[in-house]
Amino acid sequence: MVTIATHRFICRCRENTITLSFSDGIPREVVGEVYCPHCEENGHPPQKGWPVPGDWFVHFDLDVARMFTAAKLEIDPALVNPGFIMDRGFVH
């Protein structure tokens, strides 16, 4: 059974919020920062972020993601990157 939790995040420029869903018990700490469509014009470039719908970008804390997936899901940490997290539906 897949469990889903939702968490609200404030963007880096602090002007907007986004709600993201997390599945399979992935902790909210996997998301380091989020960037709204206005963050770059406010001096916060989302260069390391992964694009999500609505012109937002998410920066993942891969250390947390790798530790969680290795310990709880028995997934090789070398496989875990932003694309893996999104493609597997861990964060959406």
N, C-alpha and C. Protein backbone atom coordinates (compact mmCIF):
# COMPACT_ATOMS: atom_id res chain seq x y z
N MET A 1 0.83 -1.18 0.00
CA MET A 1 0.00 0.00 0.00
C MET A 1 0.88 1.25 0.00
N VAL A 2 0.61 2.15 -0.91
CA VAL A 2 1.38 3.38 -1.03
C VAL A 2 0.76 4.44 -0.12
N THR A 3 1.59 5.06 0.70
CA THR A 3 1.11 6.14 1.55
C THR A 3 1.52 7.47 0.92
N ILE A 4 0.63 8.44 1.01
CA ILE A 4 0.90 9.77 0.46
C ILE A 4 0.79 10.79 1.59
N ALA A 5 1.78 11.67 1.67
CA ALA A 5 1.74 12.79 2.61
C ALA A 5 1.97 14.06 1.80
N THR A 6 1.35 15.14 2.19
CA THR A 6 1.56 16.41 1.50
C THR A 6 2.21 17.39 2.47
N HIS A 7 3.07 18.23 1.90
CA HIS A 7 3.76 19.26 2.69
C HIS A 7 3.80 20.55 1.89
N ARG A 8 3.66 21.65 2.58
CA ARG A 8 3.68 22.97 1.96
C ARG A 8 5.08 23.57 2.16
N PHE A 9 5.60 24.19 1.09
CA PHE A 9 6.93 24.80 1.12
C PHE A 9 6.84 26.25 0.68
N ILE A 10 7.64 27.11 1.31
CA ILE A 10 7.77 28.50 0.91
C ILE A 10 8.98 28.60 -0.01
N CYS A 11 8.80 29.31 -1.12
CA CYS A 11 9.90 29.43 -2.09
C CYS A 11 11.05 30.24 -1.51
N ARG A 12 12.16 30.20 -2.21
CA ARG A 12 13.40 30.84 -1.76
C ARG A 12 13.23 32.35 -1.60
N CYS A 13 12.45 32.99 -2.49
CA CYS A 13 12.27 34.44 -2.37
C CYS A 13 11.14 34.79 -1.40
N ARG A 14 10.48 33.77 -0.86
CA ARG A 14 9.47 33.91 0.18
C ARG A 14 8.19 34.60 -0.29
N GLU A 15 7.94 34.59 -1.60
CA GLU A 15 6.73 35.22 -2.13
C GLU A 15 5.59 34.24 -2.35
N ASN A 16 5.90 32.96 -2.55
CA ASN A 16 4.88 31.97 -2.92
C ASN A 16 5.09 30.67 -2.17
N THR A 17 4.04 29.84 -2.19
CA THR A 17 4.14 28.51 -1.59
C THR A 17 3.70 27.47 -2.61
N ILE A 18 4.17 26.26 -2.39
CA ILE A 18 3.80 25.13 -3.22
C ILE A 18 3.55 23.94 -2.28
N THR A 19 2.60 23.11 -2.66
CA THR A 19 2.33 21.88 -1.92
C THR A 19 2.83 20.72 -2.75
N LEU A 20 3.67 19.90 -2.16
CA LEU A 20 4.21 18.72 -2.83
C LEU A 20 3.73 17.47 -2.10
N SER A 21 3.55 16.41 -2.86
CA SER A 21 3.13 15.12 -2.30
C SER A 21 4.33 14.20 -2.23
N PHE A 22 4.39 13.42 -1.16
CA PHE A 22 5.48 12.48 -0.91
C PHE A 22 4.89 11.09 -0.75
N SER A 23 5.47 10.11 -1.42
CA SER A 23 4.96 8.74 -1.30
C SER A 23 6.00 7.82 -0.69
N ASP A 24 5.54 6.67 -0.25
CA ASP A 24 6.38 5.62 0.32
C ASP A 24 7.17 6.06 1.54
N GLY A 25 6.63 7.01 2.30
CA GLY A 25 7.29 7.43 3.53
C GLY A 25 8.50 8.32 3.34
N ILE A 26 8.73 8.81 2.13
CA ILE A 26 9.87 9.71 1.89
C ILE A 26 9.71 10.94 2.79
N PRO A 27 10.72 11.30 3.57
CA PRO A 27 10.59 12.44 4.48
C PRO A 27 10.62 13.78 3.73
N ARG A 28 9.96 14.77 4.29
CA ARG A 28 9.91 16.10 3.68
C ARG A 28 11.30 16.72 3.56
N GLU A 29 12.24 16.27 4.39
CA GLU A 29 13.61 16.80 4.35
C GLU A 29 14.34 16.47 3.06
N VAL A 30 13.76 15.61 2.24
CA VAL A 30 14.35 15.31 0.92
C VAL A 30 14.35 16.56 0.05
N VAL A 31 13.38 17.45 0.28
CA VAL A 31 13.32 18.72 -0.45
C VAL A 31 14.11 19.76 0.33
N GLY A 32 15.17 20.25 -0.30
CA GLY A 32 16.00 21.27 0.34
C GLY A 32 15.41 22.65 0.20
N GLU A 33 15.14 23.06 -1.03
CA GLU A 33 14.56 24.37 -1.30
C GLU A 33 13.66 24.27 -2.51
N VAL A 34 12.72 25.21 -2.61
CA VAL A 34 11.88 25.31 -3.80
C VAL A 34 12.01 26.73 -4.35
N TYR A 35 11.85 26.84 -5.66
CA TYR A 35 11.97 28.11 -6.35
C TYR A 35 10.73 28.35 -7.20
N CYS A 36 10.02 29.47 -6.95
CA CYS A 36 8.84 29.82 -7.72
C CYS A 36 9.27 30.48 -9.03
N PRO A 37 8.32 30.75 -9.91
CA PRO A 37 8.67 31.42 -11.18
C PRO A 37 9.31 32.80 -10.99
N HIS A 38 9.14 33.43 -9.83
CA HIS A 38 9.70 34.77 -9.59
C HIS A 38 11.01 34.77 -8.84
N CYS A 39 11.45 33.63 -8.37
CA CYS A 39 12.67 33.58 -7.55
C CYS A 39 13.89 34.13 -8.29
N GLU A 40 14.05 33.77 -9.55
CA GLU A 40 15.23 34.22 -10.27
C GLU A 40 15.26 35.73 -10.40
N GLU A 41 14.14 36.35 -10.71
CA GLU A 41 14.11 37.81 -10.82
C GLU A 41 14.31 38.48 -9.45
N ASN A 42 14.10 37.73 -8.38
CA ASN A 42 14.34 38.24 -7.03
C ASN A 42 15.72 37.85 -6.50
N GLY A 43 16.60 37.37 -7.38
CA GLY A 43 17.97 37.10 -7.01
C GLY A 43 18.27 35.70 -6.52
N HIS A 44 17.37 34.75 -6.75
CA HIS A 44 17.58 33.38 -6.30
C HIS A 44 17.48 32.44 -7.50
N PRO A 45 18.59 32.24 -8.23
CA PRO A 45 18.53 31.38 -9.42
C PRO A 45 18.33 29.91 -9.06
N PRO A 46 17.41 29.23 -9.75
CA PRO A 46 17.11 27.82 -9.46
C PRO A 46 17.99 26.84 -10.24
N GLN A 47 19.24 27.19 -10.46
CA GLN A 47 20.12 26.41 -11.34
C GLN A 47 20.25 24.94 -10.95
N LYS A 48 20.22 24.63 -9.67
CA LYS A 48 20.39 23.25 -9.24
C LYS A 48 19.06 22.55 -9.04
N GLY A 49 17.97 23.24 -9.37
CA GLY A 49 16.65 22.68 -9.14
C GLY A 49 16.17 21.79 -10.26
N TRP A 50 15.20 20.97 -9.95
CA TRP A 50 14.55 20.07 -10.90
C TRP A 50 13.20 20.67 -11.25
N PRO A 51 12.86 20.80 -12.52
CA PRO A 51 11.59 21.43 -12.88
C PRO A 51 10.38 20.58 -12.48
N VAL A 52 9.36 21.27 -11.99
CA VAL A 52 8.08 20.64 -11.68
C VAL A 52 6.98 21.50 -12.32
N PRO A 53 5.79 20.98 -12.50
CA PRO A 53 4.72 21.74 -13.14
C PRO A 53 4.48 23.10 -12.49
N GLY A 54 4.11 24.05 -13.33
CA GLY A 54 3.84 25.40 -12.85
C GLY A 54 5.06 26.30 -12.87
N ASP A 55 6.12 25.88 -13.58
CA ASP A 55 7.37 26.65 -13.69
C ASP A 55 8.11 26.78 -12.36
N TRP A 56 7.90 25.84 -11.48
CA TRP A 56 8.64 25.78 -10.23
C TRP A 56 9.84 24.87 -10.39
N PHE A 57 10.81 25.02 -9.48
CA PHE A 57 11.98 24.15 -9.43
C PHE A 57 12.15 23.67 -8.00
N VAL A 58 12.56 22.41 -7.86
CA VAL A 58 12.79 21.81 -6.55
C VAL A 58 14.25 21.41 -6.46
N HIS A 59 14.90 21.81 -5.37
CA HIS A 59 16.27 21.38 -5.10
C HIS A 59 16.20 20.30 -4.04
N PHE A 60 16.68 19.11 -4.37
CA PHE A 60 16.62 17.98 -3.45
C PHE A 60 17.87 17.88 -2.59
N ASP A 61 17.71 17.44 -1.37
CA ASP A 61 18.84 17.10 -0.50
C ASP A 61 19.11 15.63 -0.76
N LEU A 62 20.05 15.37 -1.65
CA LEU A 62 20.31 14.00 -2.08
C LEU A 62 20.93 13.14 -0.98
N ASP A 63 21.62 13.75 -0.04
CA ASP A 63 22.16 12.96 1.08
C ASP A 63 21.01 12.33 1.88
N VAL A 64 19.99 13.12 2.17
CA VAL A 64 18.82 12.60 2.89
C VAL A 64 18.11 11.55 2.04
N ALA A 65 17.92 11.84 0.77
CA ALA A 65 17.22 10.90 -0.12
C ALA A 65 17.96 9.57 -0.22
N ARG A 66 19.27 9.64 -0.36
CA ARG A 66 20.06 8.40 -0.48
C ARG A 66 20.05 7.60 0.81
N MET A 67 20.15 8.28 1.94
CA MET A 67 20.14 7.60 3.22
C MET A 67 18.78 6.91 3.44
N PHE A 68 17.69 7.62 3.14
CA PHE A 68 16.37 7.04 3.33
C PHE A 68 16.14 5.86 2.41
N THR A 69 16.43 6.01 1.12
CA THR A 69 16.14 4.93 0.18
C THR A 69 16.99 3.70 0.46
N ALA A 70 18.22 3.91 0.92
CA ALA A 70 19.07 2.76 1.25
C ALA A 70 18.55 2.04 2.50
N ALA A 71 18.23 2.81 3.53
CA ALA A 71 17.83 2.21 4.81
C ALA A 71 16.42 1.64 4.79
N LYS A 72 15.48 2.35 4.21
CA LYS A 72 14.07 1.95 4.30
C LYS A 72 13.56 1.18 3.09
N LEU A 73 14.11 1.48 1.91
CA LEU A 73 13.61 0.85 0.70
C LEU A 73 14.60 -0.12 0.06
N GLU A 74 15.79 -0.21 0.66
CA GLU A 74 16.86 -1.10 0.16
C GLU A 74 17.17 -0.84 -1.31
N ILE A 75 17.26 0.44 -1.66
CA ILE A 75 17.63 0.87 -3.01
C ILE A 75 19.07 1.35 -2.97
N ASP A 76 19.86 0.95 -3.95
CA ASP A 76 21.25 1.37 -4.03
C ASP A 76 21.32 2.89 -4.08
N PRO A 77 22.00 3.53 -3.13
CA PRO A 77 22.07 4.99 -3.11
C PRO A 77 22.69 5.59 -4.36
N ALA A 78 23.52 4.83 -5.06
CA ALA A 78 24.13 5.33 -6.28
C ALA A 78 23.09 5.60 -7.37
N LEU A 79 21.93 5.00 -7.26
CA LEU A 79 20.87 5.19 -8.25
C LEU A 79 20.04 6.45 -8.00
N VAL A 80 20.15 7.02 -6.81
CA VAL A 80 19.26 8.10 -6.41
C VAL A 80 19.80 9.45 -6.87
N ASN A 81 19.00 10.10 -7.71
CA ASN A 81 19.27 11.45 -8.20
C ASN A 81 17.91 12.13 -8.39
N PRO A 82 17.87 13.42 -8.73
CA PRO A 82 16.56 14.08 -8.87
C PRO A 82 15.63 13.38 -9.86
N GLY A 83 16.14 12.93 -10.98
CA GLY A 83 15.31 12.24 -11.96
C GLY A 83 14.72 10.96 -11.40
N PHE A 84 15.50 10.21 -10.66
CA PHE A 84 15.03 8.98 -10.02
C PHE A 84 13.90 9.28 -9.04
N ILE A 85 14.07 10.32 -8.23
CA ILE A 85 13.06 10.70 -7.25
C ILE A 85 11.75 11.05 -7.94
N MET A 86 11.83 11.83 -9.00
CA MET A 86 10.62 12.26 -9.70
C MET A 86 10.02 11.14 -10.53
N ASP A 87 10.84 10.40 -11.26
CA ASP A 87 10.34 9.32 -12.12
C ASP A 87 9.65 8.21 -11.32
N ARG A 88 10.16 7.93 -10.13
CA ARG A 88 9.57 6.91 -9.28
C ARG A 88 8.35 7.42 -8.51
N GLY A 89 8.06 8.71 -8.64
CA GLY A 89 6.89 9.28 -7.99
C GLY A 89 7.04 9.47 -6.48
N PHE A 90 8.27 9.50 -6.00
CA PHE A 90 8.48 9.72 -4.58
C PHE A 90 8.06 11.12 -4.16
N VAL A 91 8.29 12.10 -5.03
CA VAL A 91 7.85 13.49 -4.80
C VAL A 91 7.15 13.94 -6.07
N HIS A 92 5.97 14.51 -5.89
CA HIS A 92 5.24 15.04 -7.05
C HIS A 92 4.30 16.14 -6.61
